[in-house]
Amino acid sequence: MSITLATGYTFIRDLLSDGDSIVTDAVLLRHVNDVYSAWKVASDDRPRLFTATQSGLTLAVNDRSKTTSLANIRQVLRIWRASSAGSTGTGSGDSLEWLEPWELISLQNELTETVTPEKFSVERIGTDTEADQGKILFRFHPIPSTTFFYALEALVEPAAFTGSSDAPDLQDAECYGVYRVVAARIAPTMGYDDGYIDQIWRGVPELMQQALRVQEKGKGPRPRPQENPA
């Protein structure tokens, strides 16, 4: 069971001795969303499975490519042929072979027969249209001879929290790690010295300290003209 943001807010305020709630819930929510997203990027080990209905990966005859309906995919892990549009159950055995886009396009141009796709490539859509940003273009080879449904395994971007009843999709110890990082970020603005901030960080798993403290160091002020970064 994850630790809700409401519990996290209390934990953060206890670390900062903020009994008067000087740091508002809105400020805490913004920081928690930021840290949680960075935490998932650094340690995400919870892939999700999507049916063709969910992802849009239904191929019709002669479809050379397909753009997902999902805009929150961070990393594609694999795809395989499913038995139906609403299933992640296999319809053919192994996952498809992953090629680079240029390799896939070359094969499509050279071999135009229509049979069962065995290979695919992935590329992120480049667009100024906000609704399409983050979507993934899949290319397939051979070109499909009939309708095929593909299940997808992927890591996804976490949805932003909107209220204190939400909870991170993490183990309890990791949740408290996220809340500690938030406290460590806010502590300098409340006058805490580096020694106390280091104590807060000590409760964060070492691997995540290495990942997230590097990010923190990169958030310093911009150098003035003719001045080298610290």
Protein backbone atom coordinates (compact mmCIF):
# COMPACT_ATOMS: atom_id res chain seq x y z
CA MET A 1 0.00 0.00 0.00
CA SER A 2 1.42 3.35 -1.05
CA ILE A 3 1.66 6.33 1.26
CA THR A 4 -0.82 9.04 0.25
CA LEU A 5 0.24 12.60 -0.41
CA ALA A 6 -1.66 13.73 2.69
CA THR A 7 0.55 11.51 4.84
CA GLY A 8 3.56 12.65 2.84
CA TYR A 9 2.77 16.32 3.44
CA THR A 10 2.70 15.69 7.19
CA PHE A 11 6.01 13.81 6.97
CA ILE A 12 7.64 16.64 4.99
CA ARG A 13 6.40 19.30 7.39
CA ASP A 14 7.69 17.29 10.35
CA LEU A 15 11.15 17.16 8.74
CA LEU A 16 11.02 20.92 8.21
CA SER A 17 9.43 21.71 11.62
CA ASP A 18 6.69 23.44 9.67
CA GLY A 19 3.87 23.15 12.17
CA ASP A 20 2.21 26.28 10.81
CA SER A 21 2.07 24.94 7.23
CA ILE A 22 4.12 27.81 5.87
CA VAL A 23 4.78 25.58 2.87
CA THR A 24 1.34 25.28 1.25
CA ASP A 25 -0.20 22.11 -0.13
CA ALA A 26 0.01 23.61 -3.63
CA VAL A 27 3.78 24.06 -3.31
CA LEU A 28 4.20 20.54 -1.93
CA LEU A 29 2.08 19.09 -4.74
CA ARG A 30 4.25 20.75 -7.37
CA HIS A 31 7.45 19.44 -5.80
CA VAL A 32 6.07 15.93 -5.27
CA ASN A 33 5.02 15.69 -8.92
CA ASP A 34 8.47 16.84 -10.03
CA VAL A 35 10.38 14.47 -7.75
CA TYR A 36 8.09 11.50 -8.40
CA SER A 37 8.53 11.86 -12.17
CA ALA A 38 12.32 11.98 -11.77
CA TRP A 39 12.22 9.01 -9.38
CA LYS A 40 10.26 6.89 -11.88
CA VAL A 41 12.68 7.78 -14.68
CA ALA A 42 15.62 6.67 -12.52
CA SER A 43 14.14 3.48 -11.09
CA ASP A 44 10.99 2.44 -12.92
CA ASP A 45 10.65 -1.36 -12.91
CA ARG A 46 6.89 -1.60 -13.34
CA PRO A 47 6.09 -2.01 -17.04
CA ARG A 48 2.50 -1.97 -18.18
CA LEU A 49 0.76 -4.14 -20.75
CA PHE A 50 -1.61 -2.62 -23.32
CA THR A 51 -4.04 -4.28 -25.67
CA ALA A 52 -4.44 -3.16 -29.27
CA THR A 53 -7.67 -1.48 -28.23
CA GLN A 54 -5.79 0.58 -25.64
CA SER A 55 -2.74 1.40 -27.75
CA GLY A 56 -4.22 1.63 -31.24
CA LEU A 57 -1.90 -1.10 -32.58
CA THR A 58 -4.43 -2.77 -34.87
CA LEU A 59 -3.05 -3.28 -38.38
CA ALA A 60 -5.27 -3.55 -41.42
CA VAL A 61 -4.25 -5.02 -44.77
CA ASN A 62 -1.29 -3.11 -46.29
CA ASP A 63 -0.72 -0.94 -43.19
CA ARG A 64 3.00 -0.20 -43.19
CA SER A 65 2.91 1.81 -39.96
CA LYS A 66 0.69 2.76 -37.05
CA THR A 67 0.76 5.62 -34.56
CA THR A 68 -0.24 4.81 -31.00
CA SER A 69 -3.22 6.47 -29.41
CA LEU A 70 -1.15 6.64 -26.19
CA ALA A 71 0.86 9.79 -25.52
CA ASN A 72 2.50 8.76 -22.24
CA ILE A 73 4.90 6.03 -23.36
CA ARG A 74 8.42 6.62 -22.08
CA GLN A 75 10.03 3.42 -23.33
CA VAL A 76 8.76 0.60 -25.52
CA LEU A 77 9.99 -2.78 -24.27
CA ARG A 78 8.42 -5.23 -26.72
CA ILE A 79 5.35 -6.00 -28.82
CA TRP A 80 3.79 -9.31 -29.86
CA ARG A 81 0.85 -10.49 -31.88
CA ALA A 82 -2.25 -10.90 -29.71
CA SER A 83 -5.23 -13.17 -30.24
CA SER A 84 -7.73 -10.27 -30.29
CA ALA A 85 -7.94 -6.48 -30.02
CA GLY A 86 -8.86 -6.65 -26.35
CA SER A 87 -6.28 -9.25 -25.30
CA THR A 88 -2.62 -9.29 -24.37
CA GLY A 89 -2.58 -13.06 -24.85
CA THR A 90 -0.27 -14.26 -27.56
CA GLY A 91 -1.62 -15.25 -30.90
CA SER A 92 1.65 -16.35 -32.45
CA GLY A 93 4.43 -16.97 -29.94
CA ASP A 94 7.52 -14.77 -29.81
CA SER A 95 7.67 -10.98 -29.77
CA LEU A 96 8.56 -9.19 -33.00
CA GLU A 97 12.18 -8.43 -33.85
CA TRP A 98 13.16 -4.81 -33.21
CA LEU A 99 14.96 -2.92 -36.01
CA GLU A 100 16.11 0.65 -36.49
CA PRO A 101 13.64 2.79 -38.50
CA TRP A 102 15.99 3.10 -41.47
CA GLU A 103 16.40 -0.69 -41.61
CA LEU A 104 12.65 -1.22 -41.50
CA ILE A 105 11.93 1.37 -44.20
CA SER A 106 14.58 -0.19 -46.42
CA LEU A 107 13.00 -3.63 -46.05
CA GLN A 108 9.54 -2.24 -46.82
CA ASN A 109 10.87 -0.68 -50.03
CA GLU A 110 12.73 -3.79 -51.14
CA LEU A 111 10.24 -6.51 -50.18
CA THR A 112 6.64 -5.55 -50.81
CA GLU A 113 4.90 -8.90 -50.34
CA THR A 114 2.04 -8.94 -47.83
CA VAL A 115 2.23 -11.67 -45.19
CA THR A 116 2.57 -11.72 -41.38
CA PRO A 117 4.75 -8.97 -39.87
CA GLU A 118 7.83 -10.26 -38.06
CA LYS A 119 9.81 -7.06 -37.46
CA PHE A 120 9.05 -3.56 -36.19
CA SER A 121 10.70 -0.22 -35.50
CA VAL A 122 9.86 2.63 -33.14
CA GLU A 123 10.18 6.38 -33.42
CA ARG A 124 8.71 9.22 -31.42
CA ILE A 125 6.43 11.57 -33.34
CA GLY A 126 7.90 15.03 -33.82
CA THR A 127 5.05 17.53 -33.88
CA ASP A 128 3.91 20.95 -32.70
CA THR A 129 0.39 19.60 -32.12
CA GLU A 130 0.04 19.21 -28.37
CA ALA A 131 -2.47 16.34 -28.56
CA ASP A 132 -0.01 14.26 -30.63
CA GLN A 133 3.14 14.98 -28.65
CA GLY A 134 4.56 11.86 -27.02
CA LYS A 135 2.89 9.46 -29.43
CA ILE A 136 4.93 6.65 -30.98
CA LEU A 137 5.09 5.60 -34.63
CA PHE A 138 5.52 1.86 -35.19
CA ARG A 139 6.60 0.53 -38.59
CA PHE A 140 6.11 -3.13 -39.55
CA HIS A 141 7.62 -5.65 -41.95
CA PRO A 142 6.54 -7.65 -43.82
CA ILE A 143 3.48 -5.62 -44.78
CA PRO A 144 0.35 -7.21 -43.25
CA SER A 145 -1.81 -9.44 -45.44
CA THR A 146 -4.81 -9.31 -43.09
CA THR A 147 -5.84 -7.68 -39.81
CA PHE A 148 -3.40 -8.17 -36.92
CA PHE A 149 -3.57 -7.07 -33.28
CA TYR A 150 -0.46 -6.25 -31.28
CA ALA A 151 -0.04 -6.15 -27.52
CA LEU A 152 2.50 -3.70 -26.11
CA GLU A 153 4.73 -3.77 -23.04
CA ALA A 154 6.09 -0.35 -22.10
CA LEU A 155 7.20 1.97 -19.34
CA VAL A 156 4.95 5.00 -19.10
CA GLU A 157 5.16 8.51 -17.73
CA PRO A 158 3.33 8.79 -14.41
CA ALA A 159 0.13 10.80 -14.38
CA ALA A 160 0.42 14.03 -12.43
CA PHE A 161 -1.09 13.99 -8.94
CA THR A 162 -4.00 16.35 -8.42
CA GLY A 163 -4.84 16.03 -4.74
CA SER A 164 -3.73 14.83 -1.33
CA SER A 165 -5.63 11.54 -1.60
CA ASP A 166 -3.42 10.41 -4.51
CA ALA A 167 -0.49 8.09 -3.84
CA PRO A 168 2.75 7.24 -5.69
CA ASP A 169 2.91 3.84 -7.38
CA LEU A 170 5.86 2.83 -5.20
CA GLN A 171 6.69 0.72 -2.17
CA ASP A 172 6.24 2.51 1.17
CA ALA A 173 9.97 3.01 1.68
CA GLU A 174 10.25 4.55 -1.79
CA CYS A 175 7.29 6.87 -1.09
CA TYR A 176 9.06 8.19 1.98
CA GLY A 177 12.19 8.56 -0.16
CA VAL A 178 10.25 10.81 -2.56
CA TYR A 179 8.95 12.89 0.35
CA ARG A 180 12.46 13.20 1.81
CA VAL A 181 13.77 14.53 -1.50
CA VAL A 182 10.96 17.09 -1.52
CA ALA A 183 11.90 18.17 2.01
CA ALA A 184 15.57 18.44 1.00
CA ARG A 185 14.61 20.67 -1.93
CA ILE A 186 12.53 22.99 0.20
CA ALA A 187 14.85 23.09 3.23
CA PRO A 188 17.27 25.75 1.86
CA THR A 189 14.38 28.17 1.36
CA MET A 190 13.56 27.80 5.07
CA GLY A 191 17.08 28.55 6.23
CA TYR A 192 18.34 25.03 6.95
CA ASP A 193 22.07 24.52 6.53
CA ASP A 194 23.81 21.88 4.41
CA GLY A 195 24.42 19.66 7.42
CA TYR A 196 20.74 19.22 8.16
CA ILE A 197 19.87 18.84 4.46
CA ASP A 198 22.45 16.02 4.26
CA GLN A 199 20.69 14.32 7.17
CA ILE A 200 17.43 14.40 5.22
CA TRP A 201 19.16 12.90 2.19
CA ARG A 202 20.59 10.04 4.27
CA GLY A 203 17.13 8.53 4.48
CA VAL A 204 16.97 8.26 0.68
CA PRO A 205 18.28 5.01 -0.90
CA GLU A 206 21.87 5.49 -2.05
CA LEU A 207 21.13 4.64 -5.67
CA MET A 208 18.44 7.31 -5.81
CA GLN A 209 20.70 9.82 -4.08
CA GLN A 210 23.21 9.34 -6.87
CA ALA A 211 20.53 9.85 -9.52
CA LEU A 212 18.59 12.72 -7.97
CA ARG A 213 21.33 14.72 -6.26
CA VAL A 214 23.07 15.07 -9.61
CA GLN A 215 19.87 16.65 -10.90
CA GLU A 216 19.74 18.97 -7.91
CA LYS A 217 23.29 20.16 -8.53
CA GLY A 218 22.32 20.96 -12.11
CA LYS A 219 19.59 23.35 -10.95
CA GLY A 220 21.84 26.14 -9.76
CA PRO A 221 21.60 29.72 -11.03
CA ARG A 222 22.69 30.45 -14.57
CA PRO A 223 26.18 31.95 -14.83
CA ARG A 224 26.40 35.61 -15.72
CA PRO A 225 27.97 36.59 -19.05
CA GLN A 226 31.72 35.94 -19.05
CA GLU A 227 31.30 33.77 -15.94
CA ASN A 228 32.00 30.07 -15.86
CA PRO A 229 29.46 27.66 -14.31
CA ALA A 230 30.29 26.58 -10.77
